[in-house]
């Protein structure tokens, strides 16, 4: 199922339609990184390198969670579970998202 969100880019108001699972993942990233949706979308928009915005958001979500999983695996030496992926990690909080940009 897909859902639409209205966002404000620098000088443009637009809508983004994504799968609800992607919106859920974006919401978790926003909470973990203390960001708002408009700010997140503006950062993605500035650096999307030819992708359309919805595709760029999907790519950022995948990279974010792959980076998180890699960090957790290095820390524990094992493949992380979903529960471990959702656990807050204050030391990695800023580096994980901002490394994408």
Protein backbone atom coordinates (compact mmCIF):
# COMPACT_ATOMS: atom_id res chain seq x y z
CA UNK A 1 0.00 0.00 0.00
CA UNK A 2 1.19 3.53 -0.76
CA UNK A 3 0.71 6.79 1.10
CA UNK A 4 1.16 10.43 0.14
CA UNK A 5 2.88 13.10 2.25
CA UNK A 6 3.01 16.80 1.50
CA UNK A 7 6.45 18.32 1.93
CA UNK A 8 8.04 21.73 1.61
CA UNK A 9 11.27 21.86 -0.35
CA UNK A 10 13.24 25.12 -0.52
CA UNK A 11 10.72 27.13 -2.56
CA UNK A 12 8.28 24.42 -3.62
CA UNK A 13 5.49 22.54 -1.93
CA UNK A 14 5.07 19.06 -3.36
CA UNK A 15 3.75 15.59 -2.60
CA UNK A 16 5.71 12.38 -2.29
CA UNK A 17 4.07 8.98 -2.68
CA UNK A 18 5.90 6.02 -1.13
CA UNK A 19 5.07 2.60 0.22
CA UNK A 20 3.91 2.68 3.84
CA UNK A 21 6.90 0.53 4.86
CA UNK A 22 9.24 3.18 3.44
CA UNK A 23 7.34 5.95 5.26
CA UNK A 24 7.62 3.92 8.47
CA UNK A 25 11.38 3.61 7.94
CA UNK A 26 11.66 7.34 7.20
CA UNK A 27 9.74 8.05 10.41
CA UNK A 28 12.17 5.91 12.41
CA UNK A 29 15.13 7.70 10.84
CA UNK A 30 13.58 11.08 11.69
CA UNK A 31 13.17 10.02 15.33
CA UNK A 32 16.66 8.53 15.59
CA UNK A 33 18.32 11.54 13.98
CA UNK A 34 16.07 14.23 15.48
CA UNK A 35 15.02 15.56 12.08
CA UNK A 36 11.74 16.76 10.61
CA UNK A 37 10.30 15.44 7.35
CA UNK A 38 10.80 18.67 5.41
CA UNK A 39 14.44 18.99 6.49
CA UNK A 40 15.10 15.35 5.63
CA UNK A 41 13.53 15.72 2.18
CA UNK A 42 15.44 18.95 1.55
CA UNK A 43 18.74 17.20 2.33
CA UNK A 44 17.85 14.31 0.03
CA UNK A 45 16.67 16.70 -2.69
CA UNK A 46 19.95 18.67 -2.66
CA UNK A 47 22.03 15.53 -3.13
CA UNK A 48 19.90 13.21 -5.23
CA UNK A 49 22.20 13.17 -8.28
CA UNK A 50 19.69 12.60 -11.06
CA UNK A 51 17.30 10.34 -9.17
CA UNK A 52 13.73 11.48 -8.75
CA UNK A 53 12.95 12.40 -5.15
CA UNK A 54 10.96 9.26 -4.30
CA UNK A 55 13.73 7.00 -5.62
CA UNK A 56 16.36 9.02 -3.76
CA UNK A 57 14.42 8.67 -0.49
CA UNK A 58 14.24 4.90 -0.98
CA UNK A 59 17.99 4.75 -1.63
CA UNK A 60 18.74 6.83 1.49
CA UNK A 61 16.57 4.50 3.61
CA UNK A 62 18.37 1.41 2.31
CA UNK A 63 21.82 2.94 2.80
CA UNK A 64 20.89 4.16 6.29
CA UNK A 65 19.75 0.74 7.47
CA UNK A 66 22.61 -1.10 5.76
CA UNK A 67 25.04 1.24 7.52
CA UNK A 68 23.27 0.66 10.84
CA UNK A 69 23.34 -3.11 10.34
CA UNK A 70 27.02 -3.01 9.43
CA UNK A 71 27.83 -0.98 12.56
CA UNK A 72 25.85 -3.37 14.74
CA UNK A 73 27.52 -6.39 13.15
CA UNK A 74 30.99 -4.93 13.71
CA UNK A 75 30.14 -4.17 17.32
CA UNK A 76 28.68 -7.57 18.17
CA UNK A 77 30.43 -9.78 15.66
CA UNK A 78 27.08 -11.27 14.67
CA UNK A 79 24.28 -10.48 12.27
CA UNK A 80 21.90 -8.04 14.01
CA UNK A 81 18.26 -8.85 14.65
CA UNK A 82 15.48 -6.34 13.97
CA UNK A 83 15.29 -5.71 17.71
CA UNK A 84 18.98 -4.76 17.76
CA UNK A 85 18.54 -2.51 14.72
CA UNK A 86 15.83 -0.54 16.52
CA UNK A 87 17.84 -0.10 19.72
CA UNK A 88 19.11 3.46 20.16
CA UNK A 89 22.84 3.91 19.84
CA UNK A 90 23.80 7.40 21.02
CA UNK A 91 27.43 7.13 19.88
CA UNK A 92 26.49 6.43 16.26
CA UNK A 93 23.41 8.61 16.11
CA UNK A 94 24.82 11.55 14.17
CA UNK A 95 27.48 9.82 12.12
CA UNK A 96 25.12 7.27 10.58
CA UNK A 97 22.79 9.71 8.83
CA UNK A 98 25.22 12.48 8.09
CA UNK A 99 27.70 10.12 6.44
CA UNK A 100 25.10 9.73 3.70
CA UNK A 101 25.46 13.39 2.89
